[in-house]
């Protein structure tokens, strides 16, 4: 069961997904179905302050 889930997640990896879509190996419907199963984690988001490094030696 864990192997199947790991393989499914790998197919939907953003670095691989677009290529698989272009090759017709997965469909937009499959991507949407997978995205709909993901939990909304926005409540756990932490804003990051981006500052330029100060004189790092």
C-alpha atoms as a PDB file:
ATOM      1  CA  UNK A   1       0.000   0.000   0.000  1.00  0.00           C
ATOM      2  CA  UNK A   2       2.773   2.455   0.866  1.00  0.00           C
ATOM      3  CA  UNK A   3       4.595   1.734  -2.404  1.00  0.00           C
ATOM      4  CA  UNK A   4       1.468   2.505  -4.445  1.00  0.00           C
ATOM      5  CA  UNK A   5       1.020   5.813  -2.625  1.00  0.00           C
ATOM      6  CA  UNK A   6       4.681   6.732  -3.101  1.00  0.00           C
ATOM      7  CA  UNK A   7       4.472   5.998  -6.832  1.00  0.00           C
ATOM      8  CA  UNK A   8       1.276   8.056  -7.155  1.00  0.00           C
ATOM      9  CA  UNK A   9       2.903  10.996  -5.390  1.00  0.00           C
ATOM     10  CA  UNK A  10       5.937  10.713  -7.666  1.00  0.00           C
ATOM     11  CA  UNK A  11       3.682  10.923 -10.742  1.00  0.00           C
ATOM     12  CA  UNK A  12       2.188  14.140  -9.394  1.00  0.00           C
ATOM     13  CA  UNK A  13       5.529  15.725  -8.516  1.00  0.00           C
ATOM     14  CA  UNK A  14       5.479  19.137 -10.186  1.00  0.00           C
ATOM     15  CA  UNK A  15       8.883  18.402 -11.762  1.00  0.00           C
ATOM     16  CA  UNK A  16       7.498  15.311 -13.508  1.00  0.00           C
ATOM     17  CA  UNK A  17       3.776  16.047 -13.854  1.00  0.00           C
ATOM     18  CA  UNK A  18       3.965  18.531 -16.748  1.00  0.00           C
ATOM     19  CA  UNK A  19       6.083  16.178 -18.839  1.00  0.00           C
ATOM     20  CA  UNK A  20       3.717  13.270 -18.177  1.00  0.00           C
ATOM     21  CA  UNK A  21       0.748  15.458 -19.139  1.00  0.00           C
ATOM     22  CA  UNK A  22       2.452  16.458 -22.393  1.00  0.00           C
ATOM     23  CA  UNK A  23       3.225  12.817 -23.189  1.00  0.00           C
ATOM     24  CA  UNK A  24      -0.366  11.788 -22.468  1.00  0.00           C
ATOM     25  CA  UNK A  25       0.666   9.423 -19.673  1.00  0.00           C
ATOM     26  CA  UNK A  26      -1.615  11.163 -17.187  1.00  0.00           C
ATOM     27  CA  UNK A  27      -4.674  13.352 -17.715  1.00  0.00           C
ATOM     28  CA  UNK A  28      -5.660  16.747 -16.341  1.00  0.00           C
ATOM     29  CA  UNK A  29      -8.591  14.999 -14.659  1.00  0.00           C
ATOM     30  CA  UNK A  30      -6.188  12.686 -12.815  1.00  0.00           C
ATOM     31  CA  UNK A  31      -4.155  15.673 -11.659  1.00  0.00           C
ATOM     32  CA  UNK A  32      -7.293  17.491 -10.471  1.00  0.00           C
ATOM     33  CA  UNK A  33      -8.536  14.382  -8.644  1.00  0.00           C
ATOM     34  CA  UNK A  34      -5.172  14.037  -6.879  1.00  0.00           C
ATOM     35  CA  UNK A  35      -5.032  17.748  -5.979  1.00  0.00           C
ATOM     36  CA  UNK A  36      -8.557  17.538  -4.526  1.00  0.00           C
ATOM     37  CA  UNK A  37      -7.398  14.809  -2.117  1.00  0.00           C
ATOM     38  CA  UNK A  38      -4.683  17.003  -0.583  1.00  0.00           C
ATOM     39  CA  UNK A  39      -5.351  18.630   2.779  1.00  0.00           C
ATOM     40  CA  UNK A  40      -5.530  22.413   3.080  1.00  0.00           C
ATOM     41  CA  UNK A  41      -2.474  23.288   5.169  1.00  0.00           C
ATOM     42  CA  UNK A  42      -2.741  27.083   4.921  1.00  0.00           C
ATOM     43  CA  UNK A  43      -3.375  27.301   8.665  1.00  0.00           C
ATOM     44  CA  UNK A  44       0.155  25.957   9.204  1.00  0.00           C
ATOM     45  CA  UNK A  45       1.831  28.478   6.902  1.00  0.00           C
ATOM     46  CA  UNK A  46       4.456  30.755   8.406  1.00  0.00           C
ATOM     47  CA  UNK A  47       5.324  34.024   6.670  1.00  0.00           C
ATOM     48  CA  UNK A  48       8.997  34.462   5.900  1.00  0.00           C
ATOM     49  CA  UNK A  49      10.801  37.787   5.967  1.00  0.00           C
ATOM     50  CA  UNK A  50      13.313  38.097   3.174  1.00  0.00           C
ATOM     51  CA  UNK A  51      16.248  40.303   4.006  1.00  0.00           C
ATOM     52  CA  UNK A  52      19.513  40.740   2.197  1.00  0.00           C
ATOM     53  CA  UNK A  53      22.490  39.249   4.096  1.00  0.00           C
ATOM     54  CA  UNK A  54      24.501  41.836   5.982  1.00  0.00           C
ATOM     55  CA  UNK A  55      28.240  41.692   5.335  1.00  0.00           C
ATOM     56  CA  UNK A  56      28.687  37.923   5.611  1.00  0.00           C
ATOM     57  CA  UNK A  57      32.350  36.996   6.012  1.00  0.00           C
END
